[in-house]
Amino acid sequence: MSKAIFELVNELPTNNITVMVLNSLDFVIPGQWENIVGFENTIRKITGETDESLIQEIGDRAVWLYNDKSQGYQTAMWLYQTVDKADYALASAALANKIGEKIPLFGFLNNLTPNPDKAQSIDLALKLVVELLAFCQINGIPGDSIGDFVASLADYSGESLMRVAALVCIDGLVPLGPDFILKTTAMIQNLNPQELQSNPMFSSISKLIPGGNPDGQLAFIGNAFGGVTGWMTSFVGDRQLTPSKVLNSIQSFVEISEDKLDYVAAFLDMTTNYYEHTGTQTLARRLIQRAIAEI
């Protein structure tokens, strides 16, 4: 890991498109997320401490824990960062596909790029798996602990809850519509291991996905997504979320032309890194909480 955890937290933006989009989702989980930036400021916010020497001690211990390679914190950070890099590639392919649809001259692009719904469904399923893997890394439990992860979702709050809320809204409802859970479930069931292997995000994170081989890993992805469908269904239903509600809220924060909604999902993938942003905040919180407990 090239940067220390305090550097990553210090470098979090206070206001950019990612922050504006996340703020637009406050209506989904009102008051749950605050964009806390700065390592020392994060320690103060989480602990309520004002004693400078104790704040320094907590910070030093948190940095030490993050640097300890026997722990899973650096791997979790790598997962959060890798997801957003793969998102950019997905968005580029989706935009190429849209160009192919709209402009006959570029129709050949449709033969070179993945079907948008299939690509978005794979993206959603893999992001969910990344959340599971990062959860396991942070908590020091085996990476195939689907049951523990599903149970933990009921206790998600703050930046962690914002991350999965954004996953549902930005990577589920907006690109795939209200039936995104059914679409993704059907896609996984009909996907073959060769198609999975050709996916850039899968290629990047496959070494961490349980299953032993692409067939087993595809089965694991299906089981992981299946385990979370109940939670996602309730999350959407309890809040009466729809693609139009999400888009209307995003448009109140970020200017998106009404006649370019085909491109919204790709635009959000290319301009936001909400997984890395909230993931950094999640790791900082967990490290600080553990540091306090150990001091």
C-alpha atoms as a PDB file:
ATOM      1  CA  MET A   1       0.000   0.000   0.000  1.00  0.00           C
ATOM      2  CA  SER A   2       1.652   3.197  -1.171  1.00  0.00           C
ATOM      3  CA  LYS A   3       0.001   5.636   1.264  1.00  0.00           C
ATOM      4  CA  ALA A   4      -0.505   5.581   5.009  1.00  0.00           C
ATOM      5  CA  ILE A   5      -4.071   5.574   6.318  1.00  0.00           C
ATOM      6  CA  PHE A   6      -3.690   9.099   7.729  1.00  0.00           C
ATOM      7  CA  GLU A   7      -2.677  10.351   4.263  1.00  0.00           C
ATOM      8  CA  LEU A   8      -5.680   8.687   2.620  1.00  0.00           C
ATOM      9  CA  VAL A   9      -8.071  10.232   5.159  1.00  0.00           C
ATOM     10  CA  ASN A  10      -6.369  13.642   4.949  1.00  0.00           C
ATOM     11  CA  GLU A  11      -6.719  13.625   1.158  1.00  0.00           C
ATOM     12  CA  LEU A  12     -10.457  12.897   1.091  1.00  0.00           C
ATOM     13  CA  PRO A  13     -12.231  15.728  -0.762  1.00  0.00           C
ATOM     14  CA  THR A  14     -14.638  17.974   1.107  1.00  0.00           C
ATOM     15  CA  ASN A  15     -16.646  18.707  -2.028  1.00  0.00           C
ATOM     16  CA  ASN A  16     -16.550  17.050  -5.440  1.00  0.00           C
ATOM     17  CA  ILE A  17     -19.007  15.088  -7.588  1.00  0.00           C
ATOM     18  CA  THR A  18     -18.694  12.019  -5.357  1.00  0.00           C
ATOM     19  CA  VAL A  19     -19.553  14.060  -2.267  1.00  0.00           C
ATOM     20  CA  MET A  20     -22.429  15.829  -4.050  1.00  0.00           C
ATOM     21  CA  VAL A  21     -23.895  12.527  -5.245  1.00  0.00           C
ATOM     22  CA  LEU A  22     -23.618  10.998  -1.768  1.00  0.00           C
ATOM     23  CA  ASN A  23     -25.251  14.080  -0.260  1.00  0.00           C
ATOM     24  CA  SER A  24     -28.070  13.686  -2.785  1.00  0.00           C
ATOM     25  CA  LEU A  25     -28.749  10.230  -1.300  1.00  0.00           C
ATOM     26  CA  ASP A  26     -29.319  11.612   2.192  1.00  0.00           C
ATOM     27  CA  PHE A  27     -33.066  11.205   1.578  1.00  0.00           C
ATOM     28  CA  VAL A  28     -32.496   7.424   1.482  1.00  0.00           C
ATOM     29  CA  ILE A  29     -30.786   7.264   4.900  1.00  0.00           C
ATOM     30  CA  PRO A  30     -31.508  10.695   6.472  1.00  0.00           C
ATOM     31  CA  GLY A  31     -28.717  12.065   8.651  1.00  0.00           C
ATOM     32  CA  GLN A  32     -26.679   8.854   8.577  1.00  0.00           C
ATOM     33  CA  TRP A  33     -23.676  10.073   6.613  1.00  0.00           C
ATOM     34  CA  GLU A  34     -21.383  12.968   7.381  1.00  0.00           C
ATOM     35  CA  ASN A  35     -18.393  13.641   5.145  1.00  0.00           C
ATOM     36  CA  ILE A  36     -15.727  13.541   7.842  1.00  0.00           C
ATOM     37  CA  VAL A  37     -12.286  14.294   6.392  1.00  0.00           C
ATOM     38  CA  GLY A  38      -8.858  14.699   7.982  1.00  0.00           C
ATOM     39  CA  PHE A  39      -7.342  12.001  10.201  1.00  0.00           C
ATOM     40  CA  GLU A  40      -7.057  14.045  13.396  1.00  0.00           C
ATOM     41  CA  ASN A  41     -10.526  15.484  12.829  1.00  0.00           C
ATOM     42  CA  THR A  42     -11.892  11.947  12.377  1.00  0.00           C
ATOM     43  CA  ILE A  43     -10.348  10.855  15.687  1.00  0.00           C
ATOM     44  CA  ARG A  44     -11.922  13.847  17.449  1.00  0.00           C
ATOM     45  CA  LYS A  45     -15.342  13.195  15.875  1.00  0.00           C
ATOM     46  CA  ILE A  46     -15.387   9.470  16.675  1.00  0.00           C
ATOM     47  CA  THR A  47     -13.918   9.634  20.191  1.00  0.00           C
ATOM     48  CA  GLY A  48     -15.014  13.051  21.411  1.00  0.00           C
ATOM     49  CA  GLU A  49     -11.486  13.459  22.775  1.00  0.00           C
ATOM     50  CA  THR A  50      -9.821  16.868  23.123  1.00  0.00           C
ATOM     51  CA  ASP A  51      -6.601  15.747  24.844  1.00  0.00           C
ATOM     52  CA  GLU A  52      -3.879  16.243  22.226  1.00  0.00           C
ATOM     53  CA  SER A  53      -1.547  13.569  23.619  1.00  0.00           C
ATOM     54  CA  LEU A  54      -4.326  10.965  23.696  1.00  0.00           C
ATOM     55  CA  ILE A  55      -5.418  11.886  20.171  1.00  0.00           C
ATOM     56  CA  GLN A  56      -1.802  11.403  19.043  1.00  0.00           C
ATOM     57  CA  GLU A  57      -1.613   8.044  20.825  1.00  0.00           C
ATOM     58  CA  ILE A  58      -4.856   6.843  19.226  1.00  0.00           C
ATOM     59  CA  GLY A  59      -3.642   7.987  15.812  1.00  0.00           C
ATOM     60  CA  ASP A  60      -0.280   6.264  16.190  1.00  0.00           C
ATOM     61  CA  ARG A  61      -1.943   3.009  17.224  1.00  0.00           C
ATOM     62  CA  ALA A  62      -4.440   3.193  14.315  1.00  0.00           C
ATOM     63  CA  VAL A  63      -1.587   3.750  11.838  1.00  0.00           C
ATOM     64  CA  TRP A  64       0.334   0.817  13.336  1.00  0.00           C
ATOM     65  CA  LEU A  65      -2.688  -1.474  13.011  1.00  0.00           C
ATOM     66  CA  TYR A  66      -3.212  -0.454   9.385  1.00  0.00           C
ATOM     67  CA  ASN A  67       0.472  -1.102   8.591  1.00  0.00           C
ATOM     68  CA  ASP A  68       0.360  -4.580  10.169  1.00  0.00           C
ATOM     69  CA  LYS A  69       0.163  -6.832   7.099  1.00  0.00           C
ATOM     70  CA  SER A  70      -1.117  -9.740   9.182  1.00  0.00           C
ATOM     71  CA  GLN A  71      -4.369  -7.759   9.479  1.00  0.00           C
ATOM     72  CA  GLY A  72      -6.774  -7.321   6.565  1.00  0.00           C
ATOM     73  CA  TYR A  73      -7.066  -3.531   6.531  1.00  0.00           C
ATOM     74  CA  GLN A  74      -4.752  -2.870   3.579  1.00  0.00           C
ATOM     75  CA  THR A  75      -6.448  -5.597   1.549  1.00  0.00           C
ATOM     76  CA  ALA A  76      -9.853  -4.052   2.285  1.00  0.00           C
ATOM     77  CA  MET A  77      -8.574  -0.663   1.114  1.00  0.00           C
ATOM     78  CA  TRP A  78      -7.202  -2.236  -2.060  1.00  0.00           C
ATOM     79  CA  LEU A  79     -10.621  -3.787  -2.722  1.00  0.00           C
ATOM     80  CA  TYR A  80     -12.430  -0.455  -2.295  1.00  0.00           C
ATOM     81  CA  GLN A  81      -9.969   1.271  -4.624  1.00  0.00           C
ATOM     82  CA  THR A  82     -10.007  -1.502  -7.233  1.00  0.00           C
ATOM     83  CA  VAL A  83     -13.811  -1.397  -7.525  1.00  0.00           C
ATOM     84  CA  ASP A  84     -13.758   2.247  -8.548  1.00  0.00           C
ATOM     85  CA  LYS A  85     -10.973   1.731 -11.080  1.00  0.00           C
ATOM     86  CA  ALA A  86     -12.955  -1.098 -12.692  1.00  0.00           C
ATOM     87  CA  ASP A  87     -16.033   1.166 -12.696  1.00  0.00           C
ATOM     88  CA  TYR A  88     -14.235   3.585 -14.986  1.00  0.00           C
ATOM     89  CA  ALA A  89     -13.568   0.798 -17.484  1.00  0.00           C
ATOM     90  CA  LEU A  90     -17.201  -0.328 -17.314  1.00  0.00           C
ATOM     91  CA  ALA A  91     -18.400   3.214 -17.933  1.00  0.00           C
ATOM     92  CA  SER A  92     -16.150   3.570 -20.976  1.00  0.00           C
ATOM     93  CA  ALA A  93     -17.564   0.359 -22.455  1.00  0.00           C
ATOM     94  CA  ALA A  94     -21.142   1.417 -21.695  1.00  0.00           C
ATOM     95  CA  LEU A  95     -20.633   4.791 -23.356  1.00  0.00           C
ATOM     96  CA  ALA A  96     -19.121   3.108 -26.414  1.00  0.00           C
ATOM     97  CA  ASN A  97     -22.188   0.879 -26.585  1.00  0.00           C
ATOM     98  CA  LYS A  98     -24.511   3.904 -26.370  1.00  0.00           C
ATOM     99  CA  ILE A  99     -22.600   5.629 -29.164  1.00  0.00           C
ATOM    100  CA  GLY A 100     -23.021   2.493 -31.241  1.00  0.00           C
ATOM    101  CA  GLU A 101     -26.778   2.536 -30.649  1.00  0.00           C
ATOM    102  CA  LYS A 102     -27.268   6.213 -31.458  1.00  0.00           C
ATOM    103  CA  ILE A 103     -24.922   6.690 -34.413  1.00  0.00           C
ATOM    104  CA  PRO A 104     -25.196   4.145 -37.274  1.00  0.00           C
ATOM    105  CA  LEU A 105     -21.634   4.831 -38.417  1.00  0.00           C
ATOM    106  CA  PHE A 106     -20.368   3.451 -35.101  1.00  0.00           C
ATOM    107  CA  GLY A 107     -22.736   0.510 -34.980  1.00  0.00           C
ATOM    108  CA  PHE A 108     -19.793  -1.912 -35.073  1.00  0.00           C
ATOM    109  CA  LEU A 109     -19.043  -0.879 -31.480  1.00  0.00           C
ATOM    110  CA  ASN A 110     -22.046  -2.911 -30.351  1.00  0.00           C
ATOM    111  CA  ASN A 111     -20.160  -6.017 -31.428  1.00  0.00           C
ATOM    112  CA  LEU A 112     -17.129  -5.034 -29.373  1.00  0.00           C
ATOM    113  CA  THR A 113     -18.725  -3.946 -26.109  1.00  0.00           C
ATOM    114  CA  PRO A 114     -20.720  -5.897 -23.517  1.00  0.00           C
ATOM    115  CA  ASN A 115     -24.492  -5.675 -23.349  1.00  0.00           C
ATOM    116  CA  PRO A 116     -25.093  -2.776 -20.941  1.00  0.00           C
ATOM    117  CA  ASP A 117     -27.602  -4.629 -18.746  1.00  0.00           C
ATOM    118  CA  LYS A 118     -25.384  -7.687 -18.490  1.00  0.00           C
ATOM    119  CA  ALA A 119     -22.290  -5.588 -17.750  1.00  0.00           C
ATOM    120  CA  GLN A 120     -24.158  -3.537 -15.128  1.00  0.00           C
ATOM    121  CA  SER A 121     -25.575  -6.675 -13.512  1.00  0.00           C
ATOM    122  CA  ILE A 122     -22.144  -8.268 -13.263  1.00  0.00           C
ATOM    123  CA  ASP A 123     -20.817  -4.972 -11.874  1.00  0.00           C
ATOM    124  CA  LEU A 124     -23.538  -4.881  -9.205  1.00  0.00           C
ATOM    125  CA  ALA A 125     -22.983  -8.503  -8.187  1.00  0.00           C
ATOM    126  CA  LEU A 126     -19.196  -8.105  -8.002  1.00  0.00           C
ATOM    127  CA  LYS A 127     -19.457  -4.881  -5.988  1.00  0.00           C
ATOM    128  CA  LEU A 128     -21.640  -6.727  -3.522  1.00  0.00           C
ATOM    129  CA  VAL A 129     -19.002  -9.469  -3.319  1.00  0.00           C
ATOM    130  CA  VAL A 130     -16.310  -6.822  -2.763  1.00  0.00           C
ATOM    131  CA  GLU A 131     -18.343  -5.434   0.156  1.00  0.00           C
ATOM    132  CA  LEU A 132     -18.526  -8.941   1.608  1.00  0.00           C
ATOM    133  CA  LEU A 133     -14.796  -9.585   1.106  1.00  0.00           C
ATOM    134  CA  ALA A 134     -13.817  -6.227   2.622  1.00  0.00           C
ATOM    135  CA  PHE A 135     -16.121  -6.888   5.601  1.00  0.00           C
ATOM    136  CA  CYS A 136     -14.395 -10.234   6.164  1.00  0.00           C
ATOM    137  CA  GLN A 137     -10.916  -8.695   5.840  1.00  0.00           C
ATOM    138  CA  ILE A 138     -11.723  -5.905   8.306  1.00  0.00           C
ATOM    139  CA  ASN A 139     -13.210  -8.315  10.830  1.00  0.00           C
ATOM    140  CA  GLY A 140     -10.594 -11.035  10.442  1.00  0.00           C
ATOM    141  CA  ILE A 141     -13.031 -13.764   9.405  1.00  0.00           C
ATOM    142  CA  PRO A 142     -12.960 -16.188   6.432  1.00  0.00           C
ATOM    143  CA  GLY A 143     -13.862 -14.665   3.075  1.00  0.00           C
ATOM    144  CA  ASP A 144     -16.718 -17.122   2.509  1.00  0.00           C
ATOM    145  CA  SER A 145     -18.663 -15.985   5.584  1.00  0.00           C
ATOM    146  CA  ILE A 146     -21.808 -15.013   3.682  1.00  0.00           C
ATOM    147  CA  GLY A 147     -24.073 -15.558   6.697  1.00  0.00           C
ATOM    148  CA  ASP A 148     -22.025 -13.281   8.963  1.00  0.00           C
ATOM    149  CA  PHE A 149     -22.014 -10.562   6.304  1.00  0.00           C
ATOM    150  CA  VAL A 150     -25.761 -10.731   5.648  1.00  0.00           C
ATOM    151  CA  ALA A 151     -26.456 -10.572   9.389  1.00  0.00           C
ATOM    152  CA  SER A 152     -24.140  -7.570   9.744  1.00  0.00           C
ATOM    153  CA  LEU A 153     -26.118  -5.492   7.223  1.00  0.00           C
ATOM    154  CA  ALA A 154     -28.794  -4.909   9.868  1.00  0.00           C
ATOM    155  CA  ASP A 155     -26.135  -3.106  11.942  1.00  0.00           C
ATOM    156  CA  TYR A 156     -24.633  -1.026   9.129  1.00  0.00           C
ATOM    157  CA  SER A 157     -24.625   2.704   9.833  1.00  0.00           C
ATOM    158  CA  GLY A 158     -22.803   5.899   8.858  1.00  0.00           C
ATOM    159  CA  GLU A 159     -20.449   5.668   5.906  1.00  0.00           C
ATOM    160  CA  SER A 160     -20.905   1.876   5.603  1.00  0.00           C
ATOM    161  CA  LEU A 161     -24.677   2.245   5.269  1.00  0.00           C
ATOM    162  CA  MET A 162     -24.165   5.081   2.768  1.00  0.00           C
ATOM    163  CA  ARG A 163     -21.929   2.837   0.667  1.00  0.00           C
ATOM    164  CA  VAL A 164     -24.511   0.046   0.347  1.00  0.00           C
ATOM    165  CA  ALA A 165     -27.295   2.617  -0.142  1.00  0.00           C
ATOM    166  CA  ALA A 166     -25.303   4.083  -3.041  1.00  0.00           C
ATOM    167  CA  LEU A 167     -24.742   0.559  -4.368  1.00  0.00           C
ATOM    168  CA  VAL A 168     -28.497  -0.074  -4.438  1.00  0.00           C
ATOM    169  CA  CYS A 169     -29.319   3.318  -5.953  1.00  0.00           C
ATOM    170  CA  ILE A 170     -26.422   4.095  -8.301  1.00  0.00           C
ATOM    171  CA  ASP A 171     -25.537   0.571  -9.428  1.00  0.00           C
ATOM    172  CA  GLY A 172     -28.945  -1.057  -9.089  1.00  0.00           C
ATOM    173  CA  LEU A 173     -31.937   1.219  -9.598  1.00  0.00           C
ATOM    174  CA  VAL A 174     -30.452   3.829 -11.958  1.00  0.00           C
ATOM    175  CA  PRO A 175     -28.886   1.567 -14.608  1.00  0.00           C
ATOM    176  CA  LEU A 176     -31.127  -1.511 -14.286  1.00  0.00           C
ATOM    177  CA  GLY A 177     -34.511  -0.162 -13.188  1.00  0.00           C
ATOM    178  CA  PRO A 178     -36.909  -1.266 -10.427  1.00  0.00           C
ATOM    179  CA  ASP A 179     -36.405  -4.971 -11.272  1.00  0.00           C
ATOM    180  CA  PHE A 180     -32.631  -4.790 -10.777  1.00  0.00           C
ATOM    181  CA  ILE A 181     -32.610  -7.636  -8.240  1.00  0.00           C
ATOM    182  CA  LEU A 182     -34.477 -10.020 -10.561  1.00  0.00           C
ATOM    183  CA  LYS A 183     -32.370  -8.955 -13.553  1.00  0.00           C
ATOM    184  CA  THR A 184     -29.115  -9.543 -11.714  1.00  0.00           C
ATOM    185  CA  THR A 185     -30.257 -12.875 -10.270  1.00  0.00           C
ATOM    186  CA  ALA A 186     -31.245 -14.071 -13.759  1.00  0.00           C
ATOM    187  CA  MET A 187     -27.961 -12.813 -15.221  1.00  0.00           C
ATOM    188  CA  ILE A 188     -25.890 -14.738 -12.672  1.00  0.00           C
ATOM    189  CA  GLN A 189     -27.894 -17.909 -13.302  1.00  0.00           C
ATOM    190  CA  ASN A 190     -27.295 -17.650 -17.065  1.00  0.00           C
ATOM    191  CA  LEU A 191     -23.672 -16.500 -16.915  1.00  0.00           C
ATOM    192  CA  ASN A 192     -20.921 -18.924 -17.866  1.00  0.00           C
ATOM    193  CA  PRO A 193     -17.449 -18.992 -16.273  1.00  0.00           C
ATOM    194  CA  GLN A 194     -15.788 -17.798 -19.498  1.00  0.00           C
ATOM    195  CA  GLU A 195     -17.907 -14.621 -19.529  1.00  0.00           C
ATOM    196  CA  LEU A 196     -17.045 -14.051 -15.884  1.00  0.00           C
ATOM    197  CA  GLN A 197     -13.326 -14.428 -16.573  1.00  0.00           C
ATOM    198  CA  SER A 198     -13.502 -11.788 -19.313  1.00  0.00           C
ATOM    199  CA  ASN A 199     -14.840  -9.192 -16.851  1.00  0.00           C
ATOM    200  CA  PRO A 200     -12.094  -6.692 -15.826  1.00  0.00           C
ATOM    201  CA  MET A 201     -13.303  -6.340 -12.239  1.00  0.00           C
ATOM    202  CA  PHE A 202     -13.450 -10.110 -11.759  1.00  0.00           C
ATOM    203  CA  SER A 203      -9.948 -10.436 -13.205  1.00  0.00           C
ATOM    204  CA  SER A 204      -8.677  -7.876 -10.707  1.00  0.00           C
ATOM    205  CA  ILE A 205     -10.224  -9.407  -7.576  1.00  0.00           C
ATOM    206  CA  SER A 206     -10.574 -13.104  -8.503  1.00  0.00           C
ATOM    207  CA  LYS A 207      -7.657 -14.154  -6.294  1.00  0.00           C
ATOM    208  CA  LEU A 208      -9.703 -13.146  -3.245  1.00  0.00           C
ATOM    209  CA  ILE A 209     -13.036 -14.694  -4.295  1.00  0.00           C
ATOM    210  CA  PRO A 210     -13.646 -18.124  -2.709  1.00  0.00           C
ATOM    211  CA  GLY A 211     -14.524 -21.052  -4.945  1.00  0.00           C
ATOM    212  CA  GLY A 212     -11.192 -22.381  -6.167  1.00  0.00           C
ATOM    213  CA  ASN A 213     -11.900 -21.939  -9.886  1.00  0.00           C
ATOM    214  CA  PRO A 214     -14.206 -19.824 -12.107  1.00  0.00           C
ATOM    215  CA  ASP A 215     -17.068 -22.354 -11.793  1.00  0.00           C
ATOM    216  CA  GLY A 216     -16.838 -22.362  -8.012  1.00  0.00           C
ATOM    217  CA  GLN A 217     -16.384 -18.607  -7.884  1.00  0.00           C
ATOM    218  CA  LEU A 218     -19.461 -18.043 -10.044  1.00  0.00           C
ATOM    219  CA  ALA A 219     -21.427 -20.236  -7.634  1.00  0.00           C
ATOM    220  CA  PHE A 220     -20.068 -18.215  -4.703  1.00  0.00           C
ATOM    221  CA  ILE A 221     -21.092 -14.929  -6.382  1.00  0.00           C
ATOM    222  CA  GLY A 222     -24.586 -16.337  -6.920  1.00  0.00           C
ATOM    223  CA  ASN A 223     -24.839 -17.448  -3.288  1.00  0.00           C
ATOM    224  CA  ALA A 224     -23.556 -14.090  -2.016  1.00  0.00           C
ATOM    225  CA  PHE A 225     -26.005 -12.095  -4.133  1.00  0.00           C
ATOM    226  CA  GLY A 226     -28.835 -14.469  -3.258  1.00  0.00           C
ATOM    227  CA  GLY A 227     -28.073 -14.028   0.427  1.00  0.00           C
ATOM    228  CA  VAL A 228     -28.505 -10.263   0.180  1.00  0.00           C
ATOM    229  CA  THR A 229     -31.620 -10.128  -2.026  1.00  0.00           C
ATOM    230  CA  GLY A 230     -33.938 -10.158   0.991  1.00  0.00           C
ATOM    231  CA  TRP A 231     -32.142  -7.222   2.583  1.00  0.00           C
ATOM    232  CA  MET A 232     -32.075  -5.255  -0.693  1.00  0.00           C
ATOM    233  CA  THR A 233     -35.766  -5.927  -1.362  1.00  0.00           C
ATOM    234  CA  SER A 234     -36.678  -4.630   2.093  1.00  0.00           C
ATOM    235  CA  PHE A 235     -34.311  -1.665   1.785  1.00  0.00           C
ATOM    236  CA  VAL A 236     -35.948  -0.543  -1.475  1.00  0.00           C
ATOM    237  CA  GLY A 237     -39.495  -1.361  -0.375  1.00  0.00           C
ATOM    238  CA  ASP A 238     -39.325   0.261   3.066  1.00  0.00           C
ATOM    239  CA  ARG A 239     -38.087   3.509   1.514  1.00  0.00           C
ATOM    240  CA  GLN A 240     -40.290   3.245  -1.595  1.00  0.00           C
ATOM    241  CA  LEU A 241     -37.238   3.869  -3.771  1.00  0.00           C
ATOM    242  CA  THR A 242     -37.605   4.214  -7.523  1.00  0.00           C
ATOM    243  CA  PRO A 243     -35.153   5.146 -10.292  1.00  0.00           C
ATOM    244  CA  SER A 244     -36.954   8.484 -10.810  1.00  0.00           C
ATOM    245  CA  LYS A 245     -36.734   9.393  -7.104  1.00  0.00           C
ATOM    246  CA  VAL A 246     -33.018   8.697  -7.087  1.00  0.00           C
ATOM    247  CA  LEU A 247     -32.424  10.592 -10.331  1.00  0.00           C
ATOM    248  CA  ASN A 248     -34.506  13.576  -9.225  1.00  0.00           C
ATOM    249  CA  SER A 249     -32.483  13.848  -6.041  1.00  0.00           C
ATOM    250  CA  ILE A 250     -29.144  13.510  -7.834  1.00  0.00           C
ATOM    251  CA  GLN A 251     -30.234  16.178 -10.343  1.00  0.00           C
ATOM    252  CA  SER A 252     -30.840  18.592  -7.480  1.00  0.00           C
ATOM    253  CA  PHE A 253     -27.131  18.364  -6.625  1.00  0.00           C
ATOM    254  CA  VAL A 254     -25.461  17.576  -9.954  1.00  0.00           C
ATOM    255  CA  GLU A 255     -26.571  19.050 -13.267  1.00  0.00           C
ATOM    256  CA  ILE A 256     -27.656  16.212 -15.546  1.00  0.00           C
ATOM    257  CA  SER A 257     -29.567  16.956 -18.743  1.00  0.00           C
ATOM    258  CA  GLU A 258     -32.997  15.300 -18.913  1.00  0.00           C
ATOM    259  CA  ASP A 259     -32.369  14.100 -22.461  1.00  0.00           C
ATOM    260  CA  LYS A 260     -29.140  12.328 -21.493  1.00  0.00           C
ATOM    261  CA  LEU A 261     -30.494   9.919 -18.892  1.00  0.00           C
ATOM    262  CA  ASP A 262     -29.217   6.978 -20.965  1.00  0.00           C
ATOM    263  CA  TYR A 263     -25.759   8.114 -19.972  1.00  0.00           C
ATOM    264  CA  VAL A 264     -26.371   8.826 -16.281  1.00  0.00           C
ATOM    265  CA  ALA A 265     -25.142   5.471 -14.957  1.00  0.00           C
ATOM    266  CA  ALA A 266     -21.962   5.676 -17.059  1.00  0.00           C
ATOM    267  CA  PHE A 267     -21.474   9.304 -16.039  1.00  0.00           C
ATOM    268  CA  LEU A 268     -21.720   8.391 -12.344  1.00  0.00           C
ATOM    269  CA  ASP A 269     -19.313   5.464 -12.778  1.00  0.00           C
ATOM    270  CA  MET A 270     -16.764   7.707 -14.486  1.00  0.00           C
ATOM    271  CA  THR A 271     -17.000  10.691 -12.144  1.00  0.00           C
ATOM    272  CA  THR A 272     -17.493   9.169  -8.696  1.00  0.00           C
ATOM    273  CA  ASN A 273     -15.431   6.910  -6.450  1.00  0.00           C
ATOM    274  CA  TYR A 274     -17.945   6.408  -3.656  1.00  0.00           C
ATOM    275  CA  TYR A 275     -16.596   2.969  -2.761  1.00  0.00           C
ATOM    276  CA  GLU A 276     -13.088   4.264  -2.110  1.00  0.00           C
ATOM    277  CA  HIS A 277     -14.351   7.454  -0.418  1.00  0.00           C
ATOM    278  CA  THR A 278     -16.704   5.786   2.064  1.00  0.00           C
ATOM    279  CA  GLY A 279     -14.417   2.746   2.342  1.00  0.00           C
ATOM    280  CA  THR A 280     -11.580   4.973   3.531  1.00  0.00           C
ATOM    281  CA  GLN A 281     -13.939   6.461   6.118  1.00  0.00           C
ATOM    282  CA  THR A 282     -15.098   3.004   7.226  1.00  0.00           C
ATOM    283  CA  LEU A 283     -11.511   1.808   7.684  1.00  0.00           C
ATOM    284  CA  ALA A 284     -10.546   4.950   9.591  1.00  0.00           C
ATOM    285  CA  ARG A 285     -13.497   4.477  11.948  1.00  0.00           C
ATOM    286  CA  ARG A 286     -12.767   0.815  12.586  1.00  0.00           C
ATOM    287  CA  LEU A 287      -9.045   1.446  13.142  1.00  0.00           C
ATOM    288  CA  ILE A 288      -9.711   4.316  15.540  1.00  0.00           C
ATOM    289  CA  GLN A 289     -12.304   2.312  17.472  1.00  0.00           C
ATOM    290  CA  ARG A 290      -9.919  -0.610  17.779  1.00  0.00           C
ATOM    291  CA  ALA A 291      -7.049   1.679  18.767  1.00  0.00           C
ATOM    292  CA  ILE A 292      -9.132   3.157  21.596  1.00  0.00           C
ATOM    293  CA  ALA A 293     -10.046  -0.327  22.842  1.00  0.00           C
ATOM    294  CA  GLU A 294      -6.400  -1.382  22.873  1.00  0.00           C
ATOM    295  CA  ILE A 295      -4.972   1.703  24.587  1.00  0.00           C
END
